[in-house]
Amino acid sequence: MSIVKIKDKTFRTSISESEIKQRVKELAAKLSHDLDGQNPLFIGVLNGSFIFAADLMREMTIPCEISFVKLASYQGITSTGKVHEVLGINEDLTDRTVVIVEDIVDTGQTMKQMIESLGTRHPKSVHICTLFVKPDKLQEQLDIEYAAFSIPNDFIVGYGLDYDQHGRELKEIYTLCENS
């Protein structure tokens, strides 16, 4: 187990790079099977999902497309509770199978707002694919069909997830140490 210091916080390894790669491969296989023949549009939520979305796309075995949306709701290690769309979706979603690709679903408020917003664009269906879900923190009823990991309510960084814009480049997942 390795320890990293990011700004004023200390983090320890909690999920290895090989575990992440294996789960991403499994998710892509399930998505490819379930959505075969539908040419789904994956919508990655920036910034956190960019590495996950790229790795997921490389493992897909069916025709599919990808776009990105940028939402903002965090400052440091705390959610502001308000979601702001910084970069929107330009694609026509009418009768499309849409897969939201998120790095982490904690309270579910961002995801709920995004599903409601996408619903006004008349997609055929909307699916949630997330690298991490925190079931103990969920406040919204969501159908999370594709989740790589269920994790406790800890603050994590790495593999695209950040602490105040730092740590995204880490290949493994690191959990905030309690005494930090």
N, C-alpha and C. Protein backbone atom coordinates (compact mmCIF):
# COMPACT_ATOMS: atom_id res chain seq x y z
N MET A 1 0.85 -1.18 0.00
CA MET A 1 0.00 0.00 0.00
C MET A 1 0.89 1.24 0.00
N SER A 2 0.59 2.16 -0.91
CA SER A 2 1.40 3.36 -0.94
C SER A 2 0.61 4.56 -0.42
N ILE A 3 1.35 5.55 -0.02
CA ILE A 3 0.79 6.79 0.54
C ILE A 3 1.21 7.93 -0.38
N VAL A 4 0.27 8.85 -0.64
CA VAL A 4 0.60 10.05 -1.40
C VAL A 4 0.09 11.27 -0.64
N LYS A 5 0.79 12.35 -0.81
CA LYS A 5 0.37 13.61 -0.21
C LYS A 5 -0.06 14.52 -1.36
N ILE A 6 -1.27 15.04 -1.25
CA ILE A 6 -1.79 15.97 -2.24
C ILE A 6 -2.20 17.23 -1.48
N LYS A 7 -1.50 18.30 -1.83
CA LYS A 7 -1.70 19.56 -1.11
C LYS A 7 -1.54 19.32 0.39
N ASP A 8 -2.61 19.54 1.17
CA ASP A 8 -2.52 19.41 2.63
C ASP A 8 -3.08 18.09 3.15
N LYS A 9 -3.37 17.12 2.28
CA LYS A 9 -4.02 15.87 2.68
C LYS A 9 -3.15 14.67 2.34
N THR A 10 -3.33 13.60 3.11
CA THR A 10 -2.62 12.34 2.88
C THR A 10 -3.63 11.28 2.48
N PHE A 11 -3.27 10.50 1.45
CA PHE A 11 -4.14 9.46 0.92
C PHE A 11 -3.38 8.14 0.86
N ARG A 12 -4.11 7.01 1.00
CA ARG A 12 -3.50 5.68 0.90
C ARG A 12 -4.19 4.92 -0.23
N THR A 13 -3.45 4.02 -0.86
CA THR A 13 -4.00 3.20 -1.94
C THR A 13 -5.16 2.37 -1.42
N SER A 14 -6.27 2.36 -2.18
CA SER A 14 -7.40 1.52 -1.78
C SER A 14 -7.88 0.59 -2.89
N ILE A 15 -7.67 0.96 -4.16
CA ILE A 15 -8.04 0.09 -5.28
C ILE A 15 -6.91 0.16 -6.30
N SER A 16 -6.39 -1.01 -6.67
CA SER A 16 -5.24 -1.07 -7.57
C SER A 16 -5.63 -0.80 -9.02
N GLU A 17 -4.64 -0.44 -9.80
CA GLU A 17 -4.84 -0.20 -11.22
C GLU A 17 -5.40 -1.45 -11.91
N SER A 18 -4.89 -2.62 -11.55
CA SER A 18 -5.35 -3.86 -12.20
C SER A 18 -6.81 -4.15 -11.85
N GLU A 19 -7.24 -3.87 -10.62
CA GLU A 19 -8.65 -4.06 -10.26
C GLU A 19 -9.56 -3.12 -11.07
N ILE A 20 -9.12 -1.89 -11.23
CA ILE A 20 -9.89 -0.91 -12.00
C ILE A 20 -10.02 -1.39 -13.45
N LYS A 21 -8.90 -1.76 -14.06
CA LYS A 21 -8.92 -2.21 -15.45
C LYS A 21 -9.84 -3.42 -15.64
N GLN A 22 -9.80 -4.35 -14.71
CA GLN A 22 -10.64 -5.53 -14.80
C GLN A 22 -12.12 -5.17 -14.74
N ARG A 23 -12.50 -4.31 -13.81
CA ARG A 23 -13.90 -3.91 -13.67
C ARG A 23 -14.37 -3.09 -14.88
N VAL A 24 -13.52 -2.24 -15.43
CA VAL A 24 -13.88 -1.47 -16.62
C VAL A 24 -14.13 -2.43 -17.79
N LYS A 25 -13.28 -3.42 -17.93
CA LYS A 25 -13.44 -4.42 -19.00
C LYS A 25 -14.76 -5.17 -18.83
N GLU A 26 -15.10 -5.55 -17.59
CA GLU A 26 -16.35 -6.26 -17.31
C GLU A 26 -17.57 -5.38 -17.62
N LEU A 27 -17.50 -4.10 -17.23
CA LEU A 27 -18.60 -3.18 -17.53
C LEU A 27 -18.79 -3.02 -19.04
N ALA A 28 -17.70 -2.86 -19.77
CA ALA A 28 -17.77 -2.71 -21.22
C ALA A 28 -18.39 -3.95 -21.86
N ALA A 29 -18.04 -5.12 -21.37
CA ALA A 29 -18.61 -6.36 -21.92
C ALA A 29 -20.11 -6.41 -21.67
N LYS A 30 -20.54 -6.03 -20.48
CA LYS A 30 -21.97 -6.03 -20.15
C LYS A 30 -22.72 -4.98 -20.99
N LEU A 31 -22.17 -3.79 -21.09
CA LEU A 31 -22.78 -2.74 -21.91
C LEU A 31 -22.85 -3.18 -23.38
N SER A 32 -21.78 -3.76 -23.89
CA SER A 32 -21.75 -4.21 -25.28
C SER A 32 -22.82 -5.27 -25.53
N HIS A 33 -23.00 -6.16 -24.58
CA HIS A 33 -24.03 -7.20 -24.69
C HIS A 33 -25.43 -6.59 -24.61
N ASP A 34 -25.66 -5.79 -23.59
CA ASP A 34 -27.00 -5.24 -23.34
C ASP A 34 -27.45 -4.26 -24.42
N LEU A 35 -26.53 -3.52 -25.01
CA LEU A 35 -26.88 -2.45 -25.95
C LEU A 35 -26.53 -2.77 -27.40
N ASP A 36 -26.26 -4.03 -27.67
CA ASP A 36 -25.92 -4.46 -29.03
C ASP A 36 -27.01 -4.05 -30.01
N GLY A 37 -26.61 -3.47 -31.13
CA GLY A 37 -27.55 -3.06 -32.17
C GLY A 37 -28.17 -1.70 -31.95
N GLN A 38 -27.77 -0.97 -30.90
CA GLN A 38 -28.41 0.32 -30.59
C GLN A 38 -27.54 1.55 -30.85
N ASN A 39 -26.27 1.38 -31.19
CA ASN A 39 -25.36 2.51 -31.39
C ASN A 39 -25.53 3.56 -30.28
N PRO A 40 -25.25 3.19 -29.03
CA PRO A 40 -25.47 4.12 -27.93
C PRO A 40 -24.55 5.34 -27.99
N LEU A 41 -25.06 6.43 -27.42
CA LEU A 41 -24.27 7.65 -27.25
C LEU A 41 -23.86 7.71 -25.78
N PHE A 42 -22.57 7.61 -25.54
CA PHE A 42 -22.03 7.75 -24.19
C PHE A 42 -21.79 9.22 -23.94
N ILE A 43 -22.23 9.69 -22.78
CA ILE A 43 -22.01 11.09 -22.41
C ILE A 43 -21.17 11.10 -21.14
N GLY A 44 -19.90 11.43 -21.30
CA GLY A 44 -18.99 11.50 -20.17
C GLY A 44 -19.17 12.81 -19.44
N VAL A 45 -19.18 12.73 -18.11
CA VAL A 45 -19.32 13.93 -17.29
C VAL A 45 -17.92 14.38 -16.88
N LEU A 46 -17.53 15.55 -17.42
CA LEU A 46 -16.20 16.09 -17.13
C LEU A 46 -16.18 16.82 -15.80
N ASN A 47 -15.06 16.89 -15.14
CA ASN A 47 -13.76 16.43 -15.58
C ASN A 47 -13.49 15.00 -15.12
N GLY A 48 -14.12 14.58 -14.06
CA GLY A 48 -13.75 13.34 -13.39
C GLY A 48 -13.83 12.08 -14.20
N SER A 49 -14.73 11.99 -15.17
CA SER A 49 -14.92 10.71 -15.87
C SER A 49 -14.04 10.54 -17.11
N PHE A 50 -13.20 11.50 -17.44
CA PHE A 50 -12.51 11.44 -18.73
C PHE A 50 -11.63 10.21 -18.88
N ILE A 51 -10.93 9.79 -17.86
CA ILE A 51 -10.08 8.60 -17.96
C ILE A 51 -10.94 7.34 -18.02
N PHE A 52 -11.93 7.25 -17.14
CA PHE A 52 -12.86 6.12 -17.14
C PHE A 52 -13.56 6.01 -18.49
N ALA A 53 -14.08 7.12 -19.02
CA ALA A 53 -14.79 7.11 -20.30
C ALA A 53 -13.87 6.63 -21.42
N ALA A 54 -12.63 7.10 -21.45
CA ALA A 54 -11.69 6.69 -22.49
C ALA A 54 -11.40 5.19 -22.41
N ASP A 55 -11.14 4.70 -21.21
CA ASP A 55 -10.85 3.27 -21.04
C ASP A 55 -12.08 2.42 -21.36
N LEU A 56 -13.25 2.88 -20.96
CA LEU A 56 -14.49 2.16 -21.24
C LEU A 56 -14.72 2.06 -22.75
N MET A 57 -14.55 3.17 -23.46
CA MET A 57 -14.75 3.18 -24.91
C MET A 57 -13.79 2.23 -25.61
N ARG A 58 -12.55 2.16 -25.14
CA ARG A 58 -11.56 1.28 -25.78
C ARG A 58 -11.92 -0.20 -25.60
N GLU A 59 -12.75 -0.49 -24.59
CA GLU A 59 -13.14 -1.88 -24.33
C GLU A 59 -14.48 -2.26 -24.97
N MET A 60 -15.21 -1.29 -25.50
CA MET A 60 -16.50 -1.57 -26.12
C MET A 60 -16.30 -2.39 -27.40
N THR A 61 -17.23 -3.30 -27.66
CA THR A 61 -17.12 -4.16 -28.84
C THR A 61 -18.26 -3.92 -29.82
N ILE A 62 -19.06 -2.89 -29.60
CA ILE A 62 -20.16 -2.55 -30.50
C ILE A 62 -19.97 -1.11 -30.99
N PRO A 63 -20.60 -0.75 -32.11
CA PRO A 63 -20.54 0.64 -32.55
C PRO A 63 -21.19 1.55 -31.50
N CYS A 64 -20.52 2.65 -31.19
CA CYS A 64 -21.03 3.61 -30.21
C CYS A 64 -20.35 4.94 -30.44
N GLU A 65 -20.90 5.98 -29.83
CA GLU A 65 -20.37 7.32 -29.96
C GLU A 65 -20.15 7.90 -28.56
N ILE A 66 -19.38 8.97 -28.50
CA ILE A 66 -19.15 9.61 -27.20
C ILE A 66 -19.17 11.13 -27.35
N SER A 67 -19.70 11.76 -26.32
CA SER A 67 -19.70 13.20 -26.20
C SER A 67 -19.45 13.50 -24.72
N PHE A 68 -19.30 14.77 -24.39
CA PHE A 68 -19.02 15.13 -23.01
C PHE A 68 -19.88 16.32 -22.58
N VAL A 69 -20.15 16.36 -21.30
CA VAL A 69 -20.81 17.49 -20.67
C VAL A 69 -19.97 17.86 -19.46
N LYS A 70 -19.93 19.12 -19.14
CA LYS A 70 -19.17 19.54 -17.96
C LYS A 70 -20.13 20.15 -16.97
N LEU A 71 -20.16 19.54 -15.78
CA LEU A 71 -20.98 20.02 -14.68
C LEU A 71 -20.06 20.36 -13.53
N ALA A 72 -20.44 21.31 -12.73
CA ALA A 72 -19.63 21.68 -11.57
C ALA A 72 -20.50 21.69 -10.33
N SER A 73 -20.03 21.00 -9.27
CA SER A 73 -20.76 21.01 -8.00
C SER A 73 -19.84 20.90 -6.79
N TYR A 74 -18.54 20.75 -7.00
CA TYR A 74 -17.61 20.55 -5.90
C TYR A 74 -16.65 21.71 -5.75
N GLN A 75 -16.28 21.99 -4.49
CA GLN A 75 -15.19 22.90 -4.17
C GLN A 75 -14.35 22.18 -3.13
N GLY A 76 -13.09 21.89 -3.47
CA GLY A 76 -12.24 21.14 -2.54
C GLY A 76 -12.76 19.72 -2.38
N ILE A 77 -13.10 19.32 -1.14
CA ILE A 77 -13.60 17.97 -0.89
C ILE A 77 -15.09 17.98 -0.55
N THR A 78 -15.76 19.11 -0.75
CA THR A 78 -17.16 19.24 -0.37
C THR A 78 -18.04 19.62 -1.54
N SER A 79 -19.22 18.99 -1.61
CA SER A 79 -20.19 19.35 -2.63
C SER A 79 -20.86 20.66 -2.22
N THR A 80 -21.07 21.53 -3.20
CA THR A 80 -21.74 22.80 -2.91
C THR A 80 -23.24 22.61 -2.83
N GLY A 81 -23.72 21.45 -3.33
CA GLY A 81 -25.16 21.18 -3.35
C GLY A 81 -25.86 21.78 -4.56
N LYS A 82 -25.14 22.58 -5.33
CA LYS A 82 -25.70 23.19 -6.53
C LYS A 82 -24.92 22.71 -7.75
N VAL A 83 -25.63 22.30 -8.78
CA VAL A 83 -25.00 21.79 -9.99
C VAL A 83 -25.13 22.84 -11.08
N HIS A 84 -24.01 23.17 -11.69
CA HIS A 84 -23.98 24.15 -12.78
C HIS A 84 -23.49 23.46 -14.04
N GLU A 85 -24.21 23.64 -15.16
CA GLU A 85 -23.75 23.11 -16.44
C GLU A 85 -22.80 24.12 -17.04
N VAL A 86 -21.57 23.68 -17.25
CA VAL A 86 -20.54 24.55 -17.77
C VAL A 86 -20.37 24.34 -19.28
N LEU A 87 -20.52 23.11 -19.74
CA LEU A 87 -20.40 22.74 -21.14
C LEU A 87 -21.53 21.79 -21.46
N GLY A 88 -22.36 22.12 -22.43
CA GLY A 88 -23.55 21.34 -22.72
C GLY A 88 -23.37 20.32 -23.84
N ILE A 89 -24.45 19.60 -24.12
CA ILE A 89 -24.47 18.57 -25.15
C ILE A 89 -25.08 19.16 -26.42
N ASN A 90 -24.40 18.96 -27.54
CA ASN A 90 -24.89 19.50 -28.82
C ASN A 90 -25.63 18.46 -29.66
N GLU A 91 -25.45 17.17 -29.36
CA GLU A 91 -26.04 16.10 -30.17
C GLU A 91 -27.56 16.04 -30.04
N ASP A 92 -28.21 15.59 -31.11
CA ASP A 92 -29.64 15.33 -31.09
C ASP A 92 -29.84 13.99 -30.37
N LEU A 93 -30.58 14.00 -29.29
CA LEU A 93 -30.78 12.78 -28.48
C LEU A 93 -32.09 12.07 -28.80
N THR A 94 -32.89 12.61 -29.70
CA THR A 94 -34.19 12.04 -30.02
C THR A 94 -34.05 10.57 -30.42
N ASP A 95 -34.75 9.70 -29.67
CA ASP A 95 -34.77 8.25 -29.93
C ASP A 95 -33.40 7.58 -29.84
N ARG A 96 -32.45 8.21 -29.15
CA ARG A 96 -31.11 7.61 -28.96
C ARG A 96 -31.05 6.89 -27.62
N THR A 97 -30.26 5.84 -27.59
CA THR A 97 -29.91 5.18 -26.34
C THR A 97 -28.72 5.96 -25.78
N VAL A 98 -28.90 6.52 -24.59
CA VAL A 98 -27.88 7.37 -23.98
C VAL A 98 -27.34 6.68 -22.73
N VAL A 99 -26.02 6.69 -22.57
CA VAL A 99 -25.38 6.15 -21.38
C VAL A 99 -24.58 7.28 -20.74
N ILE A 100 -24.99 7.68 -19.54
CA ILE A 100 -24.23 8.70 -18.81
C ILE A 100 -23.04 8.00 -18.16
N VAL A 101 -21.84 8.50 -18.42
CA VAL A 101 -20.62 7.93 -17.86
C VAL A 101 -20.11 8.90 -16.80
N GLU A 102 -20.18 8.47 -15.55
CA GLU A 102 -19.83 9.32 -14.41
C GLU A 102 -18.70 8.67 -13.63
N ASP A 103 -17.87 9.50 -13.00
CA ASP A 103 -16.80 8.94 -12.18
C ASP A 103 -17.35 8.40 -10.87
N ILE A 104 -18.25 9.15 -10.22
CA ILE A 104 -18.74 8.74 -8.92
C ILE A 104 -20.15 9.29 -8.69
N VAL A 105 -21.01 8.45 -8.14
CA VAL A 105 -22.34 8.88 -7.75
C VAL A 105 -22.38 8.78 -6.23
N ASP A 106 -22.53 9.94 -5.57
CA ASP A 106 -22.62 9.91 -4.11
C ASP A 106 -24.04 10.25 -3.67
N THR A 107 -24.43 11.51 -3.61
CA THR A 107 -25.80 11.83 -3.19
C THR A 107 -26.81 11.51 -4.30
N GLY A 108 -26.36 11.55 -5.55
CA GLY A 108 -27.23 11.29 -6.68
C GLY A 108 -27.91 12.54 -7.21
N GLN A 109 -27.70 13.68 -6.58
CA GLN A 109 -28.37 14.91 -7.00
C GLN A 109 -27.94 15.35 -8.40
N THR A 110 -26.64 15.28 -8.68
CA THR A 110 -26.14 15.64 -10.00
C THR A 110 -26.74 14.72 -11.06
N MET A 111 -26.75 13.42 -10.77
CA MET A 111 -27.28 12.45 -11.72
C MET A 111 -28.77 12.65 -11.96
N LYS A 112 -29.52 12.92 -10.90
CA LYS A 112 -30.96 13.14 -11.05
C LYS A 112 -31.21 14.35 -11.94
N GLN A 113 -30.49 15.43 -11.70
CA GLN A 113 -30.65 16.65 -12.50
C GLN A 113 -30.28 16.38 -13.95
N MET A 114 -29.23 15.61 -14.17
CA MET A 114 -28.80 15.33 -15.53
C MET A 114 -29.84 14.47 -16.27
N ILE A 115 -30.39 13.47 -15.60
CA ILE A 115 -31.41 12.61 -16.21
C ILE A 115 -32.65 13.44 -16.57
N GLU A 116 -33.05 14.33 -15.67
CA GLU A 116 -34.20 15.20 -15.95
C GLU A 116 -33.92 16.10 -17.15
N SER A 117 -32.73 16.65 -17.22
CA SER A 117 -32.35 17.52 -18.33
C SER A 117 -32.32 16.74 -19.64
N LEU A 118 -31.75 15.55 -19.63
CA LEU A 118 -31.68 14.72 -20.84
C LEU A 118 -33.07 14.29 -21.29
N GLY A 119 -33.96 14.05 -20.34
CA GLY A 119 -35.32 13.61 -20.65
C GLY A 119 -36.08 14.60 -21.51
N THR A 120 -35.75 15.88 -21.39
CA THR A 120 -36.42 16.91 -22.21
C THR A 120 -35.98 16.84 -23.66
N ARG A 121 -34.93 16.05 -23.94
CA ARG A 121 -34.39 15.93 -25.30
C ARG A 121 -34.88 14.66 -25.99
N HIS A 122 -35.82 13.94 -25.37
CA HIS A 122 -36.53 12.78 -25.93
C HIS A 122 -35.65 11.59 -26.33
N PRO A 123 -34.73 11.15 -25.44
CA PRO A 123 -33.96 9.95 -25.78
C PRO A 123 -34.85 8.71 -25.70
N LYS A 124 -34.44 7.66 -26.38
CA LYS A 124 -35.14 6.38 -26.31
C LYS A 124 -35.03 5.82 -24.90
N SER A 125 -33.80 5.87 -24.35
CA SER A 125 -33.54 5.41 -22.99
C SER A 125 -32.29 6.09 -22.46
N VAL A 126 -32.20 6.16 -21.13
CA VAL A 126 -31.03 6.73 -20.47
C VAL A 126 -30.55 5.73 -19.43
N HIS A 127 -29.27 5.40 -19.49
CA HIS A 127 -28.66 4.44 -18.56
C HIS A 127 -27.54 5.15 -17.80
N ILE A 128 -27.27 4.67 -16.60
CA ILE A 128 -26.19 5.22 -15.77
C ILE A 128 -25.07 4.21 -15.70
N CYS A 129 -23.86 4.67 -16.02
CA CYS A 129 -22.65 3.86 -15.88
C CYS A 129 -21.67 4.68 -15.05
N THR A 130 -21.33 4.17 -13.89
CA THR A 130 -20.43 4.91 -13.01
C THR A 130 -19.28 4.02 -12.53
N LEU A 131 -18.16 4.63 -12.33
CA LEU A 131 -17.02 3.88 -11.80
C LEU A 131 -17.27 3.56 -10.33
N PHE A 132 -17.79 4.54 -9.60
CA PHE A 132 -18.04 4.36 -8.16
C PHE A 132 -19.43 4.80 -7.77
N VAL A 133 -20.02 4.10 -6.84
CA VAL A 133 -21.27 4.53 -6.22
C VAL A 133 -21.09 4.40 -4.71
N LYS A 134 -21.62 5.39 -3.99
CA LYS A 134 -21.59 5.38 -2.53
C LYS A 134 -23.02 5.13 -2.04
N PRO A 135 -23.44 3.87 -1.90
CA PRO A 135 -24.83 3.58 -1.55
C PRO A 135 -25.29 4.21 -0.24
N ASP A 136 -24.40 4.34 0.74
CA ASP A 136 -24.78 4.91 2.03
C ASP A 136 -25.01 6.42 1.97
N LYS A 137 -24.56 7.06 0.91
CA LYS A 137 -24.71 8.51 0.79
C LYS A 137 -25.84 8.90 -0.18
N LEU A 138 -26.34 7.94 -0.95
CA LEU A 138 -27.39 8.23 -1.94
C LEU A 138 -28.62 8.84 -1.28
N GLN A 139 -29.09 9.93 -1.86
CA GLN A 139 -30.31 10.60 -1.38
C GLN A 139 -31.41 10.55 -2.43
N GLU A 140 -31.08 10.13 -3.62
CA GLU A 140 -32.04 10.08 -4.73
C GLU A 140 -32.26 8.63 -5.16
N GLN A 141 -33.47 8.33 -5.62
CA GLN A 141 -33.78 7.01 -6.17
C GLN A 141 -33.26 6.97 -7.60
N LEU A 142 -32.23 6.17 -7.84
CA LEU A 142 -31.64 6.07 -9.17
C LEU A 142 -31.51 4.60 -9.57
N ASP A 143 -31.70 4.32 -10.84
CA ASP A 143 -31.47 2.98 -11.37
C ASP A 143 -30.05 2.96 -11.94
N ILE A 144 -29.10 2.59 -11.09
CA ILE A 144 -27.70 2.55 -11.51
C ILE A 144 -27.43 1.13 -12.02
N GLU A 145 -27.57 0.95 -13.32
CA GLU A 145 -27.44 -0.37 -13.93
C GLU A 145 -25.99 -0.85 -14.02
N TYR A 146 -25.08 0.09 -14.20
CA TYR A 146 -23.69 -0.27 -14.45
C TYR A 146 -22.79 0.48 -13.47
N ALA A 147 -22.31 -0.22 -12.47
CA ALA A 147 -21.40 0.37 -11.48
C ALA A 147 -20.22 -0.56 -11.28
N ALA A 148 -19.03 -0.03 -11.43
CA ALA A 148 -17.83 -0.84 -11.27
C ALA A 148 -17.59 -1.19 -9.80
N PHE A 149 -17.74 -0.21 -8.91
CA PHE A 149 -17.45 -0.42 -7.49
C PHE A 149 -18.48 0.28 -6.61
N SER A 150 -18.92 -0.40 -5.57
CA SER A 150 -19.67 0.23 -4.48
C SER A 150 -18.66 0.47 -3.37
N ILE A 151 -18.60 1.70 -2.89
CA ILE A 151 -17.58 2.05 -1.91
C ILE A 151 -18.21 2.75 -0.71
N PRO A 152 -17.49 2.75 0.42
CA PRO A 152 -18.00 3.50 1.58
C PRO A 152 -17.93 5.00 1.32
N ASN A 153 -18.47 5.76 2.24
CA ASN A 153 -18.52 7.21 2.10
C ASN A 153 -17.19 7.85 2.48
N ASP A 154 -16.14 7.48 1.75
CA ASP A 154 -14.81 8.04 1.95
C ASP A 154 -14.50 8.97 0.79
N PHE A 155 -13.60 9.92 1.01
CA PHE A 155 -13.15 10.79 -0.06
C PHE A 155 -12.01 10.11 -0.79
N ILE A 156 -12.11 10.00 -2.12
CA ILE A 156 -11.10 9.31 -2.91
C ILE A 156 -10.57 10.20 -4.02
N VAL A 157 -9.35 9.87 -4.48
CA VAL A 157 -8.72 10.55 -5.62
C VAL A 157 -8.04 9.51 -6.50
N GLY A 158 -7.72 9.94 -7.71
CA GLY A 158 -7.00 9.08 -8.66
C GLY A 158 -7.90 8.65 -9.79
N TYR A 159 -7.29 8.21 -10.88
CA TYR A 159 -8.00 7.70 -12.05
C TYR A 159 -9.07 8.70 -12.51
N GLY A 160 -8.70 9.97 -12.51
CA GLY A 160 -9.60 11.03 -12.97
C GLY A 160 -10.26 11.82 -11.85
N LEU A 161 -10.37 11.23 -10.67
CA LEU A 161 -10.98 11.93 -9.54
C LEU A 161 -9.93 12.80 -8.87
N ASP A 162 -10.36 13.95 -8.35
CA ASP A 162 -9.39 14.91 -7.86
C ASP A 162 -9.68 15.40 -6.44
N TYR A 163 -8.67 16.00 -5.87
CA TYR A 163 -8.82 16.82 -4.67
C TYR A 163 -8.37 18.21 -5.08
N ASP A 164 -9.32 19.11 -5.19
CA ASP A 164 -9.04 20.49 -5.56
C ASP A 164 -8.19 20.57 -6.84
N GLN A 165 -8.59 19.77 -7.85
CA GLN A 165 -7.96 19.69 -9.17
C GLN A 165 -6.61 18.95 -9.19
N HIS A 166 -6.23 18.31 -8.12
CA HIS A 166 -4.95 17.58 -8.08
C HIS A 166 -5.23 16.09 -7.87
N GLY A 167 -4.34 15.25 -8.39
CA GLY A 167 -4.42 13.80 -8.17
C GLY A 167 -5.11 13.02 -9.28
N ARG A 168 -5.66 13.69 -10.28
CA ARG A 168 -6.38 12.99 -11.36
C ARG A 168 -5.48 12.00 -12.09
N GLU A 169 -4.19 12.28 -12.16
CA GLU A 169 -3.25 11.48 -12.95
C GLU A 169 -2.87 10.16 -12.30
N LEU A 170 -3.21 9.97 -11.05
CA LEU A 170 -2.85 8.74 -10.35
C LEU A 170 -3.54 7.54 -10.98
N LYS A 171 -2.81 6.44 -11.16
CA LYS A 171 -3.35 5.26 -11.84
C LYS A 171 -4.19 4.38 -10.92
N GLU A 172 -4.05 4.57 -9.64
CA GLU A 172 -4.82 3.79 -8.66
C GLU A 172 -5.78 4.73 -7.92
N ILE A 173 -6.64 4.15 -7.11
CA ILE A 173 -7.54 4.96 -6.29
C ILE A 173 -6.95 5.05 -4.89
N TYR A 174 -6.95 6.27 -4.38
CA TYR A 174 -6.43 6.55 -3.05
C TYR A 174 -7.54 7.11 -2.19
N THR A 175 -7.59 6.66 -0.93
CA THR A 175 -8.60 7.11 0.02
C THR A 175 -7.96 8.06 1.02
N LEU A 176 -8.67 9.11 1.36
CA LEU A 176 -8.19 10.08 2.34
C LEU A 176 -7.95 9.39 3.68
N CYS A 177 -6.77 9.60 4.25
CA CYS A 177 -6.45 9.04 5.56
C CYS A 177 -7.22 9.82 6.62
N GLU A 178 -7.70 9.12 7.62
CA GLU A 178 -8.55 9.73 8.65
C GLU A 178 -7.88 10.86 9.41
N ASN A 179 -6.59 10.78 9.63
CA ASN A 179 -5.91 11.81 10.40
C ASN A 179 -5.47 12.98 9.53
N SER A 180 -5.96 13.02 8.31
CA SER A 180 -5.54 14.07 7.37
C SER A 180 -6.42 15.31 7.50
